[in-house]
Amino acid sequence: MADLVERFATAIDTDDYATAASCMEEDAVYDEAGEKKLVGRDAILGYFRSSSEWGKANLESLTYSHEIDEGNPLQIRLIDQLKYGGDEIAVDHMMHVSLSKHGLIAALRLEYPDGERNRVRAFFEHHGLALRSE
C-alpha cells in the first residue's frame, strides 16, 4: 500500500502520468476541497496534466514535492512551490487516498488548511494572474 501511494505521488510530482495511471482504477474519483469533482482516471490525470502545463507556462517556476505520513500511508502532504515576479509561495495541502479491493487508488480527496486557498488566490491576484479553472 505505501509503495503504491509513494509511486503515485512521485509520478504526479514528475508529470509521469503513465505511471500514475497504473496506480489508479479506471473509475477513480477525485474531490478537490469540495469545489471540483472528477470521475475517471483519464479525467483526473488530464486535469493534473493541464494544471501542471498551465503553471509551468505561466509562472516563473513551479515544482512539486510530497511527504507520505508514516502513521497513515494513505495521506500525502503535497507541497507546491510557485514563483512569479520574484515572489515565492509554498502551497501546502493534503491528499487523502482510498484504495479499491484490487489495491489500486479508487478515490483522491484534496484538502487545504484553513486560509490556504485564500493565500494562494491573493498571490495570484497580486501578480495579475487568473487562477486556472475548468
N, C-alpha and C. Protein backbone atom coordinates (compact mmCIF):
# COMPACT_ATOMS: atom_id res chain seq x y z
N MET A 1 0.83 -1.19 0.00
CA MET A 1 0.00 0.00 0.00
C MET A 1 0.87 1.25 0.00
N ALA A 2 1.82 1.34 0.91
CA ALA A 2 2.68 2.52 0.99
C ALA A 2 3.50 2.68 -0.28
N ASP A 3 3.95 1.56 -0.87
CA ASP A 3 4.73 1.63 -2.10
C ASP A 3 3.90 2.18 -3.25
N LEU A 4 2.64 1.75 -3.34
CA LEU A 4 1.75 2.24 -4.39
C LEU A 4 1.52 3.74 -4.24
N VAL A 5 1.25 4.19 -3.03
CA VAL A 5 0.99 5.61 -2.79
C VAL A 5 2.25 6.43 -3.09
N GLU A 6 3.40 5.96 -2.68
CA GLU A 6 4.67 6.65 -2.97
C GLU A 6 4.91 6.72 -4.47
N ARG A 7 4.69 5.61 -5.17
CA ARG A 7 4.88 5.57 -6.63
C ARG A 7 3.94 6.58 -7.31
N PHE A 8 2.68 6.61 -6.87
CA PHE A 8 1.71 7.54 -7.43
C PHE A 8 2.13 8.99 -7.17
N ALA A 9 2.47 9.32 -5.93
CA ALA A 9 2.83 10.69 -5.57
C ALA A 9 4.07 11.15 -6.33
N THR A 10 5.06 10.29 -6.45
CA THR A 10 6.27 10.63 -7.20
C THR A 10 5.95 10.84 -8.68
N ALA A 11 5.07 10.01 -9.22
CA ALA A 11 4.67 10.16 -10.62
C ALA A 11 3.98 11.49 -10.86
N ILE A 12 3.10 11.90 -9.95
CA ILE A 12 2.41 13.18 -10.10
C ILE A 12 3.41 14.33 -9.98
N ASP A 13 4.35 14.22 -9.04
CA ASP A 13 5.37 15.27 -8.87
C ASP A 13 6.20 15.48 -10.13
N THR A 14 6.43 14.40 -10.88
CA THR A 14 7.33 14.45 -12.03
C THR A 14 6.60 14.41 -13.38
N ASP A 15 5.28 14.60 -13.35
CA ASP A 15 4.46 14.59 -14.57
C ASP A 15 4.58 13.27 -15.33
N ASP A 16 4.70 12.18 -14.62
CA ASP A 16 4.77 10.84 -15.21
C ASP A 16 3.37 10.22 -15.13
N TYR A 17 2.52 10.61 -16.07
CA TYR A 17 1.12 10.22 -16.00
C TYR A 17 0.87 8.76 -16.35
N ALA A 18 1.76 8.13 -17.10
CA ALA A 18 1.61 6.70 -17.39
C ALA A 18 1.78 5.89 -16.11
N THR A 19 2.77 6.24 -15.30
CA THR A 19 2.95 5.55 -14.02
C THR A 19 1.79 5.84 -13.08
N ALA A 20 1.37 7.10 -13.02
CA ALA A 20 0.23 7.45 -12.17
C ALA A 20 -1.00 6.65 -12.57
N ALA A 21 -1.24 6.51 -13.86
CA ALA A 21 -2.40 5.76 -14.36
C ALA A 21 -2.34 4.30 -13.91
N SER A 22 -1.16 3.73 -13.88
CA SER A 22 -1.03 2.32 -13.49
C SER A 22 -1.36 2.09 -12.02
N CYS A 23 -1.44 3.16 -11.24
CA CYS A 23 -1.73 3.07 -9.81
C CYS A 23 -3.22 3.27 -9.52
N MET A 24 -4.00 3.60 -10.54
CA MET A 24 -5.39 4.02 -10.32
C MET A 24 -6.39 3.09 -10.99
N GLU A 25 -7.56 3.01 -10.38
CA GLU A 25 -8.70 2.36 -11.01
C GLU A 25 -9.20 3.24 -12.16
N GLU A 26 -9.75 2.64 -13.17
CA GLU A 26 -10.26 3.39 -14.31
C GLU A 26 -11.38 4.34 -13.91
N ASP A 27 -12.19 3.94 -12.91
CA ASP A 27 -13.33 4.76 -12.49
C ASP A 27 -13.05 5.54 -11.20
N ALA A 28 -11.79 5.85 -10.96
CA ALA A 28 -11.41 6.60 -9.75
C ALA A 28 -12.15 7.93 -9.69
N VAL A 29 -12.27 8.44 -8.47
CA VAL A 29 -12.98 9.70 -8.22
C VAL A 29 -12.02 10.67 -7.54
N TYR A 30 -12.12 11.94 -7.93
CA TYR A 30 -11.28 13.00 -7.37
C TYR A 30 -12.19 14.11 -6.85
N ASP A 31 -11.95 14.51 -5.62
CA ASP A 31 -12.71 15.60 -5.00
C ASP A 31 -11.71 16.62 -4.49
N GLU A 32 -11.75 17.82 -5.07
CA GLU A 32 -10.82 18.88 -4.68
C GLU A 32 -11.53 19.85 -3.75
N ALA A 33 -11.33 19.62 -2.46
CA ALA A 33 -11.81 20.53 -1.42
C ALA A 33 -13.29 20.89 -1.58
N GLY A 34 -14.07 19.94 -2.09
CA GLY A 34 -15.49 20.18 -2.27
C GLY A 34 -15.82 21.14 -3.40
N GLU A 35 -14.82 21.63 -4.12
CA GLU A 35 -15.05 22.61 -5.19
C GLU A 35 -15.02 21.99 -6.58
N LYS A 36 -14.35 20.88 -6.73
CA LYS A 36 -14.24 20.24 -8.04
C LYS A 36 -14.31 18.73 -7.83
N LYS A 37 -15.15 18.08 -8.63
CA LYS A 37 -15.23 16.63 -8.55
C LYS A 37 -15.07 16.08 -9.96
N LEU A 38 -14.17 15.12 -10.09
CA LEU A 38 -13.93 14.48 -11.37
C LEU A 38 -14.10 12.98 -11.21
N VAL A 39 -14.62 12.34 -12.23
CA VAL A 39 -14.79 10.90 -12.21
C VAL A 39 -14.05 10.31 -13.40
N GLY A 40 -13.23 9.31 -13.14
CA GLY A 40 -12.48 8.62 -14.17
C GLY A 40 -11.01 8.98 -14.14
N ARG A 41 -10.19 7.95 -14.22
CA ARG A 41 -8.73 8.12 -14.21
C ARG A 41 -8.27 9.10 -15.28
N ASP A 42 -8.80 8.96 -16.50
CA ASP A 42 -8.36 9.83 -17.58
C ASP A 42 -8.71 11.29 -17.32
N ALA A 43 -9.90 11.53 -16.77
CA ALA A 43 -10.31 12.91 -16.45
C ALA A 43 -9.42 13.49 -15.35
N ILE A 44 -9.14 12.70 -14.35
CA ILE A 44 -8.31 13.16 -13.22
C ILE A 44 -6.90 13.48 -13.70
N LEU A 45 -6.30 12.54 -14.41
CA LEU A 45 -4.93 12.76 -14.87
C LEU A 45 -4.85 13.85 -15.93
N GLY A 46 -5.90 13.99 -16.74
CA GLY A 46 -5.96 15.09 -17.70
C GLY A 46 -5.97 16.44 -16.99
N TYR A 47 -6.72 16.51 -15.88
CA TYR A 47 -6.77 17.73 -15.08
C TYR A 47 -5.40 18.02 -14.45
N PHE A 48 -4.77 16.99 -13.88
CA PHE A 48 -3.43 17.17 -13.30
C PHE A 48 -2.45 17.65 -14.37
N ARG A 49 -2.48 17.02 -15.54
CA ARG A 49 -1.56 17.37 -16.63
C ARG A 49 -1.79 18.82 -17.07
N SER A 50 -3.04 19.18 -17.34
CA SER A 50 -3.30 20.54 -17.83
C SER A 50 -2.98 21.59 -16.77
N SER A 51 -3.20 21.28 -15.49
CA SER A 51 -2.85 22.21 -14.42
C SER A 51 -1.35 22.42 -14.36
N SER A 52 -0.60 21.33 -14.48
CA SER A 52 0.86 21.43 -14.44
C SER A 52 1.38 22.20 -15.65
N GLU A 53 0.84 21.90 -16.83
CA GLU A 53 1.28 22.59 -18.04
C GLU A 53 0.97 24.08 -17.95
N TRP A 54 -0.23 24.42 -17.45
CA TRP A 54 -0.59 25.83 -17.30
C TRP A 54 0.38 26.52 -16.34
N GLY A 55 0.63 25.92 -15.20
CA GLY A 55 1.53 26.51 -14.21
C GLY A 55 2.93 26.70 -14.74
N LYS A 56 3.44 25.71 -15.44
CA LYS A 56 4.81 25.81 -15.96
C LYS A 56 4.92 26.80 -17.11
N ALA A 57 3.80 27.04 -17.81
CA ALA A 57 3.80 28.01 -18.90
C ALA A 57 3.59 29.44 -18.40
N ASN A 58 2.93 29.61 -17.26
CA ASN A 58 2.54 30.95 -16.79
C ASN A 58 3.29 31.46 -15.57
N LEU A 59 3.98 30.60 -14.87
CA LEU A 59 4.76 31.01 -13.69
C LEU A 59 6.24 30.97 -14.04
N GLU A 60 7.04 31.68 -13.27
CA GLU A 60 8.49 31.62 -13.49
C GLU A 60 9.03 30.24 -13.17
N SER A 61 8.50 29.64 -12.11
CA SER A 61 8.87 28.26 -11.81
C SER A 61 7.76 27.62 -11.00
N LEU A 62 7.67 26.32 -11.13
CA LEU A 62 6.68 25.51 -10.42
C LEU A 62 7.30 24.15 -10.17
N THR A 63 7.41 23.79 -8.90
CA THR A 63 7.92 22.47 -8.55
C THR A 63 6.98 21.82 -7.55
N TYR A 64 6.95 20.51 -7.61
CA TYR A 64 6.09 19.73 -6.74
C TYR A 64 6.93 18.81 -5.87
N SER A 65 6.50 18.62 -4.64
CA SER A 65 7.11 17.61 -3.76
C SER A 65 6.01 17.07 -2.86
N HIS A 66 6.35 16.01 -2.14
CA HIS A 66 5.36 15.39 -1.26
C HIS A 66 6.04 14.71 -0.09
N GLU A 67 5.24 14.44 0.93
CA GLU A 67 5.66 13.63 2.07
C GLU A 67 4.53 12.67 2.37
N ILE A 68 4.87 11.41 2.59
CA ILE A 68 3.88 10.41 2.97
C ILE A 68 3.86 10.34 4.49
N ASP A 69 2.69 10.38 5.06
CA ASP A 69 2.52 10.29 6.51
C ASP A 69 2.85 8.86 6.95
N GLU A 70 3.92 8.69 7.73
CA GLU A 70 4.33 7.36 8.17
C GLU A 70 3.25 6.67 8.99
N GLY A 71 2.48 7.43 9.76
CA GLY A 71 1.42 6.87 10.57
C GLY A 71 0.19 6.51 9.76
N ASN A 72 0.03 7.15 8.60
CA ASN A 72 -1.11 6.89 7.73
C ASN A 72 -0.63 7.01 6.28
N PRO A 73 -0.18 5.91 5.68
CA PRO A 73 0.38 5.98 4.33
C PRO A 73 -0.66 6.31 3.25
N LEU A 74 -1.92 6.46 3.64
CA LEU A 74 -2.94 6.87 2.68
C LEU A 74 -3.15 8.39 2.71
N GLN A 75 -2.23 9.09 3.33
CA GLN A 75 -2.29 10.54 3.44
C GLN A 75 -0.99 11.10 2.87
N ILE A 76 -1.12 11.96 1.86
CA ILE A 76 0.04 12.55 1.20
C ILE A 76 0.01 14.05 1.43
N ARG A 77 1.06 14.58 2.01
CA ARG A 77 1.19 16.03 2.13
C ARG A 77 1.85 16.52 0.85
N LEU A 78 1.18 17.42 0.15
CA LEU A 78 1.67 17.98 -1.10
C LEU A 78 2.19 19.39 -0.85
N ILE A 79 3.36 19.68 -1.39
CA ILE A 79 3.94 21.00 -1.27
C ILE A 79 4.30 21.48 -2.68
N ASP A 80 3.59 22.48 -3.15
CA ASP A 80 3.84 23.06 -4.47
C ASP A 80 4.56 24.39 -4.26
N GLN A 81 5.69 24.54 -4.92
CA GLN A 81 6.47 25.79 -4.85
C GLN A 81 6.22 26.59 -6.12
N LEU A 82 5.64 27.78 -5.97
CA LEU A 82 5.34 28.65 -7.09
C LEU A 82 6.20 29.90 -6.98
N LYS A 83 6.69 30.36 -8.14
CA LYS A 83 7.49 31.58 -8.16
C LYS A 83 7.00 32.44 -9.32
N TYR A 84 6.79 33.73 -9.00
CA TYR A 84 6.38 34.69 -10.02
C TYR A 84 6.73 36.09 -9.55
N GLY A 85 7.26 36.89 -10.44
CA GLY A 85 7.59 38.27 -10.11
C GLY A 85 8.57 38.40 -8.96
N GLY A 86 9.43 37.42 -8.81
CA GLY A 86 10.39 37.43 -7.71
C GLY A 86 9.84 36.96 -6.39
N ASP A 87 8.53 36.74 -6.31
CA ASP A 87 7.91 36.23 -5.09
C ASP A 87 7.75 34.72 -5.18
N GLU A 88 7.85 34.08 -4.03
CA GLU A 88 7.63 32.63 -3.96
C GLU A 88 6.58 32.33 -2.92
N ILE A 89 5.85 31.26 -3.18
CA ILE A 89 4.86 30.78 -2.23
C ILE A 89 4.90 29.26 -2.23
N ALA A 90 4.81 28.69 -1.06
CA ALA A 90 4.70 27.24 -0.92
C ALA A 90 3.25 26.94 -0.59
N VAL A 91 2.62 26.15 -1.42
CA VAL A 91 1.22 25.78 -1.22
C VAL A 91 1.21 24.41 -0.55
N ASP A 92 0.65 24.37 0.64
CA ASP A 92 0.63 23.15 1.47
C ASP A 92 -0.79 22.60 1.49
N HIS A 93 -0.94 21.36 1.06
CA HIS A 93 -2.26 20.75 1.07
C HIS A 93 -2.13 19.24 1.27
N MET A 94 -3.24 18.59 1.53
CA MET A 94 -3.24 17.17 1.88
C MET A 94 -4.12 16.40 0.90
N MET A 95 -3.60 15.27 0.43
CA MET A 95 -4.38 14.39 -0.42
C MET A 95 -4.63 13.09 0.34
N HIS A 96 -5.89 12.75 0.47
CA HIS A 96 -6.30 11.51 1.13
C HIS A 96 -6.61 10.48 0.05
N VAL A 97 -6.06 9.30 0.19
CA VAL A 97 -6.18 8.25 -0.81
C VAL A 97 -7.05 7.12 -0.26
N SER A 98 -7.95 6.61 -1.10
CA SER A 98 -8.72 5.41 -0.78
C SER A 98 -8.39 4.36 -1.81
N LEU A 99 -8.20 3.13 -1.35
CA LEU A 99 -7.87 2.04 -2.26
C LEU A 99 -9.08 1.16 -2.54
N SER A 100 -9.06 0.54 -3.69
CA SER A 100 -10.11 -0.39 -4.08
C SER A 100 -9.78 -1.77 -3.54
N LYS A 101 -10.68 -2.70 -3.71
CA LYS A 101 -10.43 -4.08 -3.29
C LYS A 101 -9.31 -4.72 -4.12
N HIS A 102 -8.98 -4.10 -5.27
CA HIS A 102 -7.88 -4.59 -6.11
C HIS A 102 -6.53 -3.99 -5.70
N GLY A 103 -6.56 -3.09 -4.70
CA GLY A 103 -5.32 -2.49 -4.24
C GLY A 103 -4.85 -1.32 -5.07
N LEU A 104 -5.74 -0.75 -5.88
CA LEU A 104 -5.41 0.43 -6.67
C LEU A 104 -6.14 1.64 -6.09
N ILE A 105 -5.73 2.82 -6.50
CA ILE A 105 -6.36 4.03 -6.00
C ILE A 105 -7.77 4.15 -6.58
N ALA A 106 -8.75 4.23 -5.69
CA ALA A 106 -10.15 4.36 -6.09
C ALA A 106 -10.65 5.78 -5.93
N ALA A 107 -10.07 6.51 -4.97
CA ALA A 107 -10.52 7.89 -4.73
C ALA A 107 -9.39 8.73 -4.17
N LEU A 108 -9.42 10.01 -4.54
CA LEU A 108 -8.49 11.01 -4.05
C LEU A 108 -9.31 12.19 -3.55
N ARG A 109 -9.01 12.64 -2.35
CA ARG A 109 -9.70 13.80 -1.79
C ARG A 109 -8.64 14.82 -1.38
N LEU A 110 -8.69 16.00 -1.97
CA LEU A 110 -7.73 17.05 -1.69
C LEU A 110 -8.33 18.03 -0.69
N GLU A 111 -7.55 18.37 0.34
CA GLU A 111 -7.98 19.33 1.35
C GLU A 111 -6.89 20.36 1.56
N TYR A 112 -7.32 21.58 1.84
CA TYR A 112 -6.41 22.67 2.14
C TYR A 112 -6.59 23.10 3.59
N PRO A 113 -5.51 23.46 4.29
CA PRO A 113 -5.66 24.02 5.64
C PRO A 113 -6.46 25.31 5.56
N ASP A 114 -7.09 25.68 6.65
CA ASP A 114 -7.85 26.92 6.71
C ASP A 114 -7.01 28.09 6.23
N GLY A 115 -7.57 28.86 5.32
CA GLY A 115 -6.90 30.05 4.82
C GLY A 115 -5.93 29.83 3.67
N GLU A 116 -5.57 28.59 3.38
CA GLU A 116 -4.55 28.32 2.36
C GLU A 116 -5.02 28.72 0.96
N ARG A 117 -6.25 28.37 0.61
CA ARG A 117 -6.75 28.73 -0.73
C ARG A 117 -6.81 30.25 -0.89
N ASN A 118 -7.21 30.97 0.15
CA ASN A 118 -7.25 32.43 0.08
C ASN A 118 -5.85 33.01 -0.07
N ARG A 119 -4.88 32.41 0.60
CA ARG A 119 -3.48 32.86 0.49
C ARG A 119 -2.98 32.69 -0.94
N VAL A 120 -3.34 31.57 -1.57
CA VAL A 120 -2.93 31.31 -2.95
C VAL A 120 -3.64 32.27 -3.90
N ARG A 121 -4.92 32.47 -3.69
CA ARG A 121 -5.67 33.42 -4.53
C ARG A 121 -5.05 34.82 -4.43
N ALA A 122 -4.68 35.23 -3.24
CA ALA A 122 -4.07 36.55 -3.04
C ALA A 122 -2.75 36.65 -3.81
N PHE A 123 -1.95 35.59 -3.80
CA PHE A 123 -0.69 35.57 -4.55
C PHE A 123 -0.96 35.79 -6.03
N PHE A 124 -1.93 35.05 -6.58
CA PHE A 124 -2.26 35.18 -7.99
C PHE A 124 -2.80 36.58 -8.30
N GLU A 125 -3.70 37.07 -7.48
CA GLU A 125 -4.27 38.40 -7.70
C GLU A 125 -3.20 39.49 -7.63
N HIS A 126 -2.29 39.37 -6.68
CA HIS A 126 -1.20 40.35 -6.53
C HIS A 126 -0.38 40.47 -7.82
N HIS A 127 -0.23 39.36 -8.52
CA HIS A 127 0.59 39.34 -9.73
C HIS A 127 -0.24 39.43 -11.01
N GLY A 128 -1.55 39.67 -10.86
CA GLY A 128 -2.40 39.82 -12.03
C GLY A 128 -2.60 38.53 -12.82
N LEU A 129 -2.47 37.42 -12.13
CA LEU A 129 -2.68 36.12 -12.76
C LEU A 129 -4.06 35.61 -12.38
N ALA A 130 -4.73 35.00 -13.32
CA ALA A 130 -6.02 34.39 -13.01
C ALA A 130 -5.77 32.94 -12.61
N LEU A 131 -6.41 32.52 -11.53
CA LEU A 131 -6.33 31.11 -11.16
C LEU A 131 -6.97 30.30 -12.26
N ARG A 132 -6.29 29.28 -12.68
CA ARG A 132 -6.80 28.41 -13.73
C ARG A 132 -7.98 27.61 -13.17
N SER A 133 -9.05 27.55 -13.93
CA SER A 133 -10.18 26.73 -13.51
C SER A 133 -10.78 26.04 -14.72
N GLU A 134 -11.36 24.89 -14.47
CA GLU A 134 -12.04 24.12 -15.53
C GLU A 134 -13.38 23.74 -15.04
